[in-house]
Amino acid sequence: MHLLLVLLVFVVAFGRGGYHPWATLVLELGAAGFALWVVFDVLWKTSPEKRRRLLAQRRAWRKLPRRARHRSDVTILPPGSTLDEESHDLDLENYFLVLGYPFKRTGLELPFLLLTIWIGLSVVPLPPEWLEMISPEAYASRIEARALTTQEAALGSSPWSLAPFLTLRDMWQWLAYLALFYAAFRLAENAQRVEKLTFGLFLGGIAAGAYGVVQWLLGLQSQAGLVASIAGIRATGSFGNPNHYAAFLGMILLCSLGWLGARRTRLARAGGRRSRRVDAQEAKARLIMGGLGIVIIGLGLIFSLSRSGITFTLAGCVALALLTRRAVNSGEPETIELGRARQRPRSHRAYWALALAVAGFAVWIGIEPVLGRFAEIPAQWEAEQARPQVWRDSLGAVEDFWLTGSGLSSYRYVTANYRSFSGRLFYSWAHNDYLQLVIELGIPGLLLLLWIMAVVWQRTHRTREELASHPGIFYIHAGYCAAAIVIALHSITDFSLHLPANFTFLSVVVGVVLGLQPR
């Protein structure tokens, strides 16, 4: 299943980041398939005897006082059972039972459910008087649109979403992301599967990075004598937009660095026997090849010429270094290693070497276009069509749609009423996912998002504590955490999460971050 998950991520990315209708169809069908896999996997692994035992255990658990249910020193046993028989059963506080079948809790069920209901409410037709009371701006927009037609009939029931068809389409995609999140969450219970999943993402990232580098080089060749930034030559991969391509590669790069750090940690801890020394030499050669793969991904990111992508990926690398500081300073051996630790792993030095290699190749090929892009920031910041101006204009929409929002994917129909600059330039997106979320889902949508982020932060900290004594898995988990940080920062200056490929990848990343276990 981990290979199918990797395949789904890159197939969706191949369809212009998921914009092609066939890519969206693959995403939804693939998510439905993973949801069925989760259900049938639970059904297959739960015997009738275990179902009866779990149901009896839940009844006994519910009879306990509320304070005693959460105590770690309390073991709940059904009547007539012994500790040896039931010691392998589930902690009912972390599972919910459906007809006796156990599904592990993620901690995000309630905010996910409320957010899904809130999105669904935006497409429910409301009587005109209700619509005018709940969302006056949506009501006024409906009346104004109706005045432009020849129909004289009174306004009928209408939803508060200004683009109900697009909102309904986004609703289906949101359900697909939830299914992929839970599939990755369940997959992460097996650390070996996560390692194979990350390796598959790494290989796909090498192909995506090489594709972008080849695009850039061929573009220079076809535009011989021109500077890349002037000719508009940028690596876009299969996305079409270099910024979204950079966000995708940034997440892959951080996950791959975590995987590479885990492999190097195990190599540093291996030793003792001659046969193991031979294995260590082979592993070292593989690490060198892995480093070359990181260089290719990094070059694809650099030659996208995406300033936000490069900047926030560097910030993600700093976050990865901080997250793995405990593993670097730890001298405790890991149970899955080949032998006792003979030296402390120095993966941070390896990261510096990879960074220098990427910079060296970039300088050798030609880094002037990248520097030119960053040099253009002051001039573009002062331009009236710059993104800060769009953000300031969008604040008026926040004030008018603060309660209900205007509905998902309706920003393009709202922004024209608040644009303060003239010209033919038109923004279909706010270039800030958080700001656009407030406009399209209102303050309640933003509060639900903050709730989700708070739960992810809390449970991520708990997972890191559990993985602290397993440095290899700890590195992989840190890579996924850094990938989530990268896309969260990148969404401040762009709309990368409106790309199905990026949101699909984020669903997998968050599922692994919350579900990774040492066993």
Protein backbone atom coordinates (compact mmCIF):
# COMPACT_ATOMS: atom_id res chain seq x y z
CA MET A 1 0.00 0.00 0.00
CA HIS A 2 2.90 2.38 0.59
CA LEU A 3 3.95 1.97 -3.06
CA LEU A 4 0.42 2.69 -4.23
CA LEU A 5 0.36 5.80 -2.05
CA VAL A 6 3.60 7.05 -3.63
CA LEU A 7 2.21 6.28 -7.08
CA LEU A 8 -0.97 8.23 -6.35
CA VAL A 9 0.97 11.31 -5.18
CA PHE A 10 3.07 11.48 -8.33
CA VAL A 11 0.30 10.59 -10.76
CA VAL A 12 -1.76 13.49 -9.41
CA ALA A 13 1.31 15.76 -9.60
CA PHE A 14 1.89 14.73 -13.22
CA GLY A 15 -1.50 16.16 -14.23
CA ARG A 16 -0.33 19.80 -13.91
CA GLY A 17 -0.35 19.50 -10.15
CA GLY A 18 -3.82 17.95 -10.20
CA TYR A 19 -5.53 20.61 -12.30
CA HIS A 20 -6.28 18.23 -15.16
CA PRO A 21 -9.72 16.58 -14.78
CA TRP A 22 -8.23 13.10 -15.12
CA ALA A 23 -5.80 13.84 -12.25
CA THR A 24 -8.68 14.92 -10.02
CA LEU A 25 -10.55 11.75 -10.94
CA VAL A 26 -7.50 9.63 -10.10
CA LEU A 27 -7.23 11.44 -6.75
CA GLU A 28 -10.84 10.79 -5.79
CA LEU A 29 -10.89 7.17 -6.97
CA GLY A 30 -7.54 6.50 -5.31
CA ALA A 31 -8.72 8.01 -2.04
CA ALA A 32 -11.86 5.87 -2.16
CA GLY A 33 -9.67 2.81 -2.71
CA PHE A 34 -7.49 3.65 0.30
CA ALA A 35 -10.57 4.21 2.45
CA LEU A 36 -11.83 0.74 1.49
CA TRP A 37 -8.39 -0.70 2.24
CA VAL A 38 -8.46 0.74 5.77
CA VAL A 39 -11.95 -0.66 6.41
CA PHE A 40 -11.23 -4.13 5.04
CA ASP A 41 -7.85 -4.27 6.77
CA VAL A 42 -9.56 -3.68 10.12
CA LEU A 43 -12.29 -6.20 9.31
CA TRP A 44 -9.75 -8.83 8.27
CA LYS A 45 -7.56 -8.45 11.35
CA THR A 46 -10.41 -8.47 13.89
CA SER A 47 -11.68 -11.94 14.73
CA PRO A 48 -15.22 -12.51 16.11
CA GLU A 49 -13.74 -13.46 19.47
CA LYS A 50 -11.78 -10.22 19.65
CA ARG A 51 -14.86 -8.21 18.67
CA ARG A 52 -16.86 -9.72 21.54
CA ARG A 53 -13.97 -9.15 23.94
CA LEU A 54 -13.58 -5.53 22.90
CA LEU A 55 -17.29 -4.84 23.22
CA ALA A 56 -17.28 -6.34 26.72
CA GLN A 57 -14.18 -4.34 27.57
CA ARG A 58 -15.84 -1.12 26.39
CA ARG A 59 -18.92 -1.83 28.52
CA ALA A 60 -16.67 -2.36 31.55
CA TRP A 61 -14.72 0.80 30.68
CA ARG A 62 -17.90 2.89 30.51
CA LYS A 63 -18.96 1.73 33.98
CA LEU A 64 -15.82 3.20 35.52
CA PRO A 65 -15.88 6.72 37.00
CA ARG A 66 -14.81 9.31 34.43
CA ARG A 67 -11.61 10.15 36.32
CA ALA A 68 -10.53 6.49 36.42
CA ARG A 69 -10.92 5.97 32.65
CA HIS A 70 -7.79 8.00 31.86
CA ARG A 71 -5.50 6.60 34.53
CA SER A 72 -2.51 4.67 33.19
CA ASP A 73 -2.44 2.28 36.17
CA VAL A 74 -5.99 1.00 35.55
CA THR A 75 -6.49 -2.11 33.41
CA ILE A 76 -10.04 -2.81 32.26
CA LEU A 77 -10.88 -6.52 31.96
CA PRO A 78 -14.22 -8.04 30.94
CA PRO A 79 -15.85 -10.36 33.50
CA GLY A 80 -14.29 -13.83 33.62
CA SER A 81 -11.01 -12.83 31.89
CA THR A 82 -7.42 -12.71 33.18
CA LEU A 83 -4.63 -10.22 32.66
CA ASP A 84 -2.64 -12.65 30.50
CA GLU A 85 -5.57 -13.05 28.15
CA GLU A 86 -6.38 -9.34 27.81
CA SER A 87 -3.01 -7.63 28.17
CA HIS A 88 -2.66 -7.38 24.39
CA ASP A 89 -6.03 -5.68 23.90
CA LEU A 90 -6.44 -2.04 22.94
CA ASP A 91 -6.38 1.11 24.99
CA LEU A 92 -9.99 2.10 24.44
CA GLU A 93 -9.20 5.76 25.06
CA ASN A 94 -7.18 5.83 21.81
CA TYR A 95 -9.63 3.74 19.74
CA PHE A 96 -13.28 3.96 18.82
CA LEU A 97 -15.30 0.85 18.09
CA VAL A 98 -17.71 0.44 15.17
CA LEU A 99 -19.73 -2.75 15.77
CA GLY A 100 -16.76 -4.03 17.73
CA TYR A 101 -14.18 -3.22 15.03
CA PRO A 102 -11.38 -0.97 16.36
CA PHE A 103 -10.33 2.19 14.49
CA LYS A 104 -7.50 4.21 15.98
CA ARG A 105 -8.25 7.78 16.97
CA THR A 106 -6.25 10.59 15.41
CA GLY A 107 -7.46 13.33 17.75
CA LEU A 108 -8.74 15.30 14.76
CA GLU A 109 -12.10 13.59 14.30
CA LEU A 110 -14.19 16.37 15.86
CA PRO A 111 -12.57 19.40 14.13
CA PHE A 112 -12.53 17.52 10.81
CA LEU A 113 -16.22 16.68 11.21
CA LEU A 114 -17.16 20.24 12.12
CA LEU A 115 -15.17 21.68 9.22
CA THR A 116 -16.81 19.23 6.81
CA ILE A 117 -20.26 20.18 8.09
CA TRP A 118 -19.42 23.88 7.80
CA ILE A 119 -18.35 23.45 4.16
CA GLY A 120 -21.50 21.45 3.44
CA LEU A 121 -23.74 24.11 4.98
CA SER A 122 -22.45 26.68 2.48
CA VAL A 123 -24.20 24.86 -0.39
CA VAL A 124 -27.53 24.29 1.40
CA PRO A 125 -30.29 26.49 -0.16
CA LEU A 126 -31.73 29.00 2.32
CA PRO A 127 -34.90 31.12 2.13
CA PRO A 128 -34.18 34.72 1.03
CA GLU A 129 -34.95 36.18 4.45
CA TRP A 130 -32.57 33.72 6.14
CA LEU A 131 -29.85 34.42 3.58
CA GLU A 132 -30.21 38.18 4.06
CA MET A 133 -29.92 37.80 7.83
CA ILE A 134 -26.98 35.35 7.86
CA SER A 135 -24.95 36.70 4.92
CA PRO A 136 -26.09 40.14 3.71
CA GLU A 137 -23.31 40.40 1.13
CA ALA A 138 -24.19 37.05 -0.43
CA TYR A 139 -27.84 38.12 -0.55
CA ALA A 140 -26.90 41.44 -2.19
CA SER A 141 -24.77 39.64 -4.76
CA ARG A 142 -27.68 37.32 -5.62
CA ILE A 143 -30.04 40.28 -6.04
CA GLU A 144 -27.54 42.17 -8.18
CA ALA A 145 -26.94 39.15 -10.41
CA ARG A 146 -30.67 38.61 -10.77
CA ALA A 147 -31.18 42.27 -11.79
CA LEU A 148 -28.90 41.68 -14.77
CA THR A 149 -31.25 39.00 -16.13
CA THR A 150 -34.68 39.33 -17.69
CA GLN A 151 -36.34 37.23 -15.01
CA GLU A 152 -38.83 39.13 -12.85
CA ALA A 153 -39.66 36.35 -10.40
CA ALA A 154 -38.70 36.80 -6.77
CA LEU A 155 -35.42 35.37 -5.51
CA GLY A 156 -35.86 31.78 -4.42
CA SER A 157 -33.88 29.70 -1.96
CA SER A 158 -30.13 30.17 -2.46
CA PRO A 159 -26.95 29.04 -0.65
CA TRP A 160 -24.54 31.53 0.84
CA SER A 161 -21.75 30.15 -1.36
CA LEU A 162 -21.34 32.36 -4.42
CA ALA A 163 -19.99 29.39 -6.41
CA PRO A 164 -21.91 26.35 -5.11
CA PHE A 165 -20.76 24.06 -7.92
CA LEU A 166 -17.08 24.80 -7.22
CA THR A 167 -17.67 24.51 -3.48
CA LEU A 168 -19.28 21.10 -3.95
CA ARG A 169 -16.33 20.01 -6.08
CA ASP A 170 -13.93 21.14 -3.36
CA MET A 171 -16.05 19.26 -0.83
CA TRP A 172 -15.38 15.98 -2.64
CA GLN A 173 -11.68 16.76 -2.80
CA TRP A 174 -11.67 17.54 0.93
CA LEU A 175 -13.20 14.13 1.67
CA ALA A 176 -10.51 12.55 -0.53
CA TYR A 177 -7.79 14.30 1.46
CA LEU A 178 -9.31 13.04 4.72
CA ALA A 179 -9.30 9.47 3.40
CA LEU A 180 -5.64 9.73 2.37
CA PHE A 181 -4.74 11.26 5.73
CA TYR A 182 -6.26 8.37 7.65
CA ALA A 183 -4.70 5.80 5.30
CA ALA A 184 -1.26 7.33 5.88
CA PHE A 185 -2.00 7.51 9.62
CA ARG A 186 -2.74 3.79 9.72
CA LEU A 187 0.20 2.97 7.45
CA ALA A 188 2.53 4.81 9.85
CA GLU A 189 1.87 2.23 12.58
CA ASN A 190 4.54 0.16 10.80
CA ALA A 191 7.83 2.09 10.77
CA GLN A 192 9.29 -0.12 8.04
CA ARG A 193 6.43 0.83 5.74
CA VAL A 194 7.06 4.50 6.42
CA GLU A 195 10.72 4.05 5.55
CA LYS A 196 9.77 2.41 2.26
CA LEU A 197 7.17 5.11 1.63
CA THR A 198 9.81 7.81 2.15
CA PHE A 199 12.26 6.03 -0.12
CA GLY A 200 9.60 5.91 -2.84
CA LEU A 201 8.94 9.63 -2.40
CA PHE A 202 12.69 10.22 -2.63
CA LEU A 203 12.96 8.38 -5.94
CA GLY A 204 9.96 10.24 -7.31
CA GLY A 205 11.48 13.51 -6.12
CA ILE A 206 14.68 12.74 -8.03
CA ALA A 207 12.64 12.26 -11.21
CA ALA A 208 10.69 15.48 -10.57
CA GLY A 209 13.87 17.46 -9.82
CA ALA A 210 15.67 16.10 -12.89
CA TYR A 211 12.66 17.01 -15.02
CA GLY A 212 12.87 20.62 -13.82
CA VAL A 213 16.64 20.87 -14.34
CA VAL A 214 16.32 19.52 -17.89
CA GLN A 215 13.52 22.04 -18.56
CA TRP A 216 15.74 24.87 -17.40
CA LEU A 217 18.77 23.76 -19.41
CA LEU A 218 16.80 23.15 -22.61
CA GLY A 219 15.11 26.52 -22.16
CA LEU A 220 18.48 28.24 -22.00
CA GLN A 221 19.62 26.35 -25.06
CA SER A 222 16.56 27.34 -27.09
CA GLN A 223 16.91 30.96 -25.94
CA ALA A 224 20.66 31.13 -26.57
CA GLY A 225 22.24 34.36 -25.48
CA LEU A 226 19.44 35.42 -23.11
CA VAL A 227 19.50 35.59 -19.33
CA ALA A 228 17.06 33.09 -17.84
CA SER A 229 15.25 35.63 -15.67
CA ILE A 230 14.72 37.93 -18.67
CA ALA A 231 13.60 35.15 -20.98
CA GLY A 232 11.15 33.89 -18.36
CA ILE A 233 12.82 30.48 -18.22
CA ARG A 234 11.95 28.71 -14.98
CA ALA A 235 11.74 25.07 -13.98
CA THR A 236 8.07 24.14 -13.54
CA GLY A 237 8.13 20.35 -13.70
CA SER A 238 4.70 18.99 -14.46
CA PHE A 239 2.95 21.78 -12.51
CA GLY A 240 3.04 24.68 -14.93
CA ASN A 241 3.55 27.10 -12.01
CA PRO A 242 7.14 27.25 -10.69
CA ASN A 243 6.08 28.31 -7.19
CA HIS A 244 3.80 25.32 -6.73
CA TYR A 245 6.49 23.06 -8.16
CA ALA A 246 8.96 24.51 -5.64
CA ALA A 247 6.55 23.86 -2.75
CA PHE A 248 6.18 20.23 -3.86
CA LEU A 249 9.94 19.73 -4.16
CA GLY A 250 10.51 21.46 -0.81
CA MET A 251 8.33 18.91 0.99
CA ILE A 252 10.02 16.01 -0.80
CA LEU A 253 13.46 17.42 -0.02
CA LEU A 254 12.79 17.62 3.73
CA CYS A 255 11.28 14.11 3.88
CA SER A 256 14.26 12.78 1.93
CA LEU A 257 16.75 14.50 4.23
CA GLY A 258 15.05 12.87 7.20
CA TRP A 259 15.31 9.47 5.54
CA LEU A 260 18.96 10.06 4.62
CA GLY A 261 19.73 11.15 8.18
CA ALA A 262 18.17 7.93 9.48
CA ARG A 263 20.28 5.82 7.13
CA ARG A 264 23.44 7.65 8.10
CA THR A 265 22.64 7.26 11.79
CA ARG A 266 22.36 3.51 11.36
CA LEU A 267 25.60 3.42 9.41
CA ALA A 268 27.41 5.34 12.16
CA ARG A 269 26.07 2.93 14.79
CA ALA A 270 27.00 -0.21 12.86
CA GLY A 271 30.33 -1.92 13.47
CA GLY A 272 32.10 -4.70 15.31
CA ARG A 273 32.32 -7.59 12.88
CA ARG A 274 34.08 -7.81 9.54
CA SER A 275 30.91 -8.86 7.70
CA ARG A 276 29.19 -5.83 9.12
CA ARG A 277 32.05 -3.64 7.93
CA VAL A 278 31.44 -4.91 4.39
CA ASP A 279 27.74 -4.11 4.76
CA ALA A 280 28.71 -0.68 6.06
CA GLN A 281 30.79 -0.01 2.93
CA GLU A 282 27.85 -0.90 0.74
CA ALA A 283 25.59 1.30 2.84
CA LYS A 284 28.07 4.16 2.57
CA ALA A 285 28.05 3.86 -1.23
CA ARG A 286 24.26 3.98 -1.18
CA LEU A 287 24.39 7.08 1.00
CA ILE A 288 26.63 8.78 -1.55
CA MET A 289 24.12 7.95 -4.29
CA GLY A 290 21.38 9.25 -2.01
CA GLY A 291 23.32 12.49 -1.59
CA LEU A 292 23.46 12.90 -5.37
CA GLY A 293 19.69 12.45 -5.43
CA ILE A 294 19.31 15.23 -2.84
CA VAL A 295 21.47 17.46 -5.05
CA ILE A 296 19.19 16.84 -8.04
CA ILE A 297 16.07 17.67 -6.04
CA GLY A 298 17.77 20.80 -4.69
CA LEU A 299 18.76 21.95 -8.17
CA GLY A 300 15.20 21.53 -9.41
CA LEU A 301 14.06 23.68 -6.51
CA ILE A 302 16.69 26.37 -7.14
CA PHE A 303 16.03 26.65 -10.87
CA SER A 304 12.33 27.07 -10.31
CA LEU A 305 13.51 30.60 -9.35
CA SER A 306 10.80 30.61 -6.68
CA ARG A 307 11.92 33.04 -4.01
CA SER A 308 9.37 31.85 -1.46
CA GLY A 309 10.06 28.21 -2.26
CA ILE A 310 13.82 28.58 -1.78
CA THR A 311 13.51 30.76 1.33
CA PHE A 312 10.99 28.59 3.15
CA THR A 313 12.81 25.39 2.24
CA LEU A 314 15.93 26.82 3.86
CA ALA A 315 13.79 27.63 6.90
CA GLY A 316 12.59 24.02 6.84
CA CYS A 317 16.20 22.82 6.81
CA VAL A 318 16.87 24.92 9.92
CA ALA A 319 13.77 23.42 11.54
CA LEU A 320 15.02 19.92 10.66
CA ALA A 321 18.37 20.66 12.28
CA LEU A 322 16.64 21.85 15.44
CA LEU A 323 14.25 18.89 15.51
CA THR A 324 17.08 16.35 15.15
CA ARG A 325 19.41 17.97 17.68
CA ARG A 326 18.26 15.52 20.36
CA ALA A 327 19.00 12.53 18.11
CA VAL A 328 22.47 13.84 17.27
CA ASN A 329 23.34 14.34 20.93
CA SER A 330 21.92 11.01 22.00
CA GLY A 331 24.27 8.12 22.52
CA GLU A 332 21.67 5.46 23.24
CA PRO A 333 21.72 2.51 20.81
CA GLU A 334 18.60 1.69 18.86
CA THR A 335 17.22 -1.82 19.08
CA ILE A 336 16.99 -2.23 15.30
CA GLU A 337 20.64 -1.27 14.70
CA LEU A 338 23.34 -3.72 13.72
CA GLY A 339 25.49 -3.14 16.77
CA ARG A 340 26.49 -0.87 19.59
CA ALA A 341 27.31 2.74 18.91
CA ARG A 342 31.01 3.28 18.30
CA GLN A 343 30.72 6.95 17.35
CA ARG A 344 28.15 9.67 17.58
CA PRO A 345 26.29 10.32 14.34
CA ARG A 346 27.09 13.62 12.71
CA SER A 347 24.21 13.97 10.29
CA HIS A 348 24.29 17.76 10.58
CA ARG A 349 27.73 17.74 8.98
CA ALA A 350 26.31 15.63 6.19
CA TYR A 351 23.53 18.19 5.69
CA TRP A 352 26.10 20.98 5.41
CA ALA A 353 28.02 18.95 2.84
CA LEU A 354 24.85 18.42 0.80
CA ALA A 355 24.01 22.13 1.00
CA LEU A 356 27.49 23.03 -0.28
CA ALA A 357 27.16 20.46 -3.08
CA VAL A 358 23.83 21.91 -4.20
CA ALA A 359 25.23 25.45 -4.08
CA GLY A 360 28.34 24.39 -5.97
CA PHE A 361 26.40 22.76 -8.79
CA ALA A 362 24.08 25.76 -8.97
CA VAL A 363 27.02 28.16 -9.28
CA TRP A 364 28.64 25.95 -11.89
CA ILE A 365 25.50 25.79 -14.01
CA GLY A 366 24.67 29.46 -13.48
CA ILE A 367 23.05 31.02 -10.43
CA GLU A 368 22.76 34.59 -11.75
CA PRO A 369 19.03 34.21 -12.61
CA VAL A 370 18.29 33.14 -9.03
CA LEU A 371 20.14 36.13 -7.59
CA GLY A 372 18.36 38.36 -10.09
CA ARG A 373 14.98 37.16 -8.90
CA PHE A 374 15.79 38.10 -5.31
CA ALA A 375 17.17 41.46 -6.45
CA GLU A 376 13.76 42.28 -7.99
CA ILE A 377 11.95 42.10 -4.63
CA PRO A 378 12.26 45.81 -3.65
CA ALA A 379 10.92 47.05 -6.98
CA GLN A 380 8.04 44.57 -7.03
CA TRP A 381 7.20 45.31 -3.39
CA GLU A 382 6.58 48.94 -4.30
CA ALA A 383 4.46 48.09 -7.34
CA GLU A 384 0.74 48.63 -6.83
CA GLN A 385 -0.07 45.21 -8.26
CA ALA A 386 2.20 43.43 -5.75
CA ARG A 387 0.77 40.80 -3.44
CA PRO A 388 0.72 43.06 -0.35
CA GLN A 389 -1.68 45.33 -2.20
CA VAL A 390 -3.92 42.35 -2.98
CA TRP A 391 -3.85 41.34 0.68
CA ARG A 392 -4.84 44.84 1.78
CA ASP A 393 -7.70 44.89 -0.72
CA SER A 394 -8.90 41.49 0.48
CA LEU A 395 -9.39 42.75 4.03
CA GLY A 396 -12.60 44.41 2.87
CA ALA A 397 -13.96 41.01 1.84
CA VAL A 398 -13.01 39.63 5.26
CA GLU A 399 -15.11 42.34 6.90
CA ASP A 400 -18.13 41.63 4.68
CA PHE A 401 -18.01 37.81 4.79
CA TRP A 402 -16.64 37.34 8.32
CA LEU A 403 -19.45 35.06 9.53
CA THR A 404 -20.23 32.61 6.73
CA GLY A 405 -17.58 33.26 4.12
CA SER A 406 -18.33 33.36 0.42
CA GLY A 407 -17.85 29.62 -0.21
CA LEU A 408 -14.82 27.64 -1.32
CA SER A 409 -13.28 28.65 -4.68
CA SER A 410 -15.36 31.85 -4.81
CA TYR A 411 -12.50 34.29 -4.19
CA ARG A 412 -12.16 35.06 -7.91
CA TYR A 413 -15.78 36.25 -7.99
CA VAL A 414 -15.42 38.36 -4.84
CA THR A 415 -12.09 40.13 -5.34
CA ALA A 416 -13.22 42.32 -8.26
CA ASN A 417 -15.44 44.33 -5.91
CA TYR A 418 -12.50 45.25 -3.69
CA ARG A 419 -9.64 45.80 -6.17
CA SER A 420 -8.03 49.21 -5.67
CA PHE A 421 -5.65 49.17 -8.66
CA SER A 422 -6.45 49.47 -12.34
CA GLY A 423 -5.16 47.60 -15.36
CA ARG A 424 -5.73 44.20 -16.87
CA LEU A 425 -4.01 42.29 -14.06
CA PHE A 426 -6.50 40.09 -12.24
CA TYR A 427 -5.94 37.81 -9.24
CA SER A 428 -7.98 34.61 -9.04
CA TRP A 429 -6.29 33.70 -5.75
CA ALA A 430 -5.29 35.71 -2.70
CA HIS A 431 -1.72 34.30 -2.76
CA ASN A 432 -2.21 33.64 0.95
CA ASP A 433 -4.07 30.45 1.79
CA TYR A 434 -4.96 31.62 5.29
CA LEU A 435 -6.40 34.94 4.13
CA GLN A 436 -8.35 33.21 1.37
CA LEU A 437 -9.68 30.67 3.88
CA VAL A 438 -11.07 33.49 6.04
CA ILE A 439 -12.79 35.03 3.02
CA GLU A 440 -14.25 31.75 1.76
CA LEU A 441 -15.12 30.07 5.09
CA GLY A 442 -15.33 33.02 7.46
CA ILE A 443 -14.00 33.33 11.00
CA PRO A 444 -15.49 29.91 11.99
CA GLY A 445 -13.41 28.24 9.27
CA LEU A 446 -10.26 29.97 10.51
CA LEU A 447 -10.97 28.92 14.11
CA LEU A 448 -11.42 25.31 13.01
CA LEU A 449 -8.12 25.48 11.12
CA LEU A 450 -6.35 26.83 14.22
CA TRP A 451 -7.93 24.02 16.25
CA ILE A 452 -6.57 21.45 13.80
CA MET A 453 -3.11 23.02 13.89
CA ALA A 454 -3.11 23.05 17.71
CA VAL A 455 -4.03 19.36 17.89
CA VAL A 456 -1.37 18.47 15.33
CA TRP A 457 1.22 20.42 17.33
CA GLN A 458 0.25 18.74 20.60
CA ARG A 459 0.18 15.19 19.25
CA THR A 460 3.38 15.73 17.27
CA HIS A 461 5.17 16.65 20.48
CA ARG A 462 3.81 13.50 22.13
CA THR A 463 4.95 11.34 19.20
CA ARG A 464 8.44 12.88 19.30
CA GLU A 465 8.71 11.94 22.97
CA GLU A 466 7.81 8.33 22.17
CA LEU A 467 10.39 8.18 19.35
CA ALA A 468 13.20 9.84 21.31
CA SER A 469 14.91 6.49 22.02
CA HIS A 470 14.77 5.41 18.37
CA PRO A 471 17.12 7.81 16.51
CA GLY A 472 16.57 6.33 13.05
CA ILE A 473 12.79 6.68 13.15
CA PHE A 474 13.21 9.98 14.97
CA TYR A 475 15.07 11.41 11.95
CA ILE A 476 12.34 10.28 9.54
CA HIS A 477 9.65 11.80 11.74
CA ALA A 478 11.61 15.07 11.95
CA GLY A 479 11.81 15.18 8.14
CA TYR A 480 8.03 14.92 7.83
CA CYS A 481 7.57 17.58 10.53
CA ALA A 482 9.90 19.92 8.65
CA ALA A 483 7.99 19.24 5.41
CA ALA A 484 4.75 20.29 7.11
CA ILE A 485 6.47 23.47 8.36
CA VAL A 486 7.66 24.29 4.84
CA ILE A 487 4.21 24.11 3.25
CA ALA A 488 2.66 26.00 6.18
CA LEU A 489 5.14 28.86 5.65
CA HIS A 490 4.87 28.74 1.87
CA SER A 491 1.09 29.16 2.13
CA ILE A 492 1.64 32.64 3.61
CA THR A 493 2.81 34.03 0.26
CA ASP A 494 1.17 31.69 -2.24
CA PHE A 495 -1.80 29.40 -2.83
CA SER A 496 0.13 26.12 -3.03
CA LEU A 497 -2.48 24.17 -1.05
CA HIS A 498 -5.09 24.91 -3.72
CA LEU A 499 -3.09 22.51 -5.90
CA PRO A 500 -4.49 18.97 -5.42
CA ALA A 501 -0.99 17.48 -5.68
CA ASN A 502 0.36 19.60 -2.82
CA PHE A 503 -2.65 19.00 -0.58
CA THR A 504 -2.49 15.27 -1.34
CA PHE A 505 1.14 15.22 -0.28
CA LEU A 506 0.35 17.27 2.84
CA SER A 507 -2.36 14.75 3.81
CA VAL A 508 0.21 11.96 3.68
CA VAL A 509 2.77 14.04 5.60
CA VAL A 510 0.40 14.91 8.45
CA GLY A 511 -0.82 11.30 8.63
CA VAL A 512 2.75 10.09 9.11
CA VAL A 513 3.56 12.87 11.59
CA LEU A 514 0.67 11.88 13.86
CA GLY A 515 0.72 8.12 13.35
CA LEU A 516 4.40 7.08 13.29
CA GLN A 517 5.18 4.53 15.99
CA PRO A 518 8.46 2.96 17.10
CA ARG A 519 7.21 -0.57 16.48
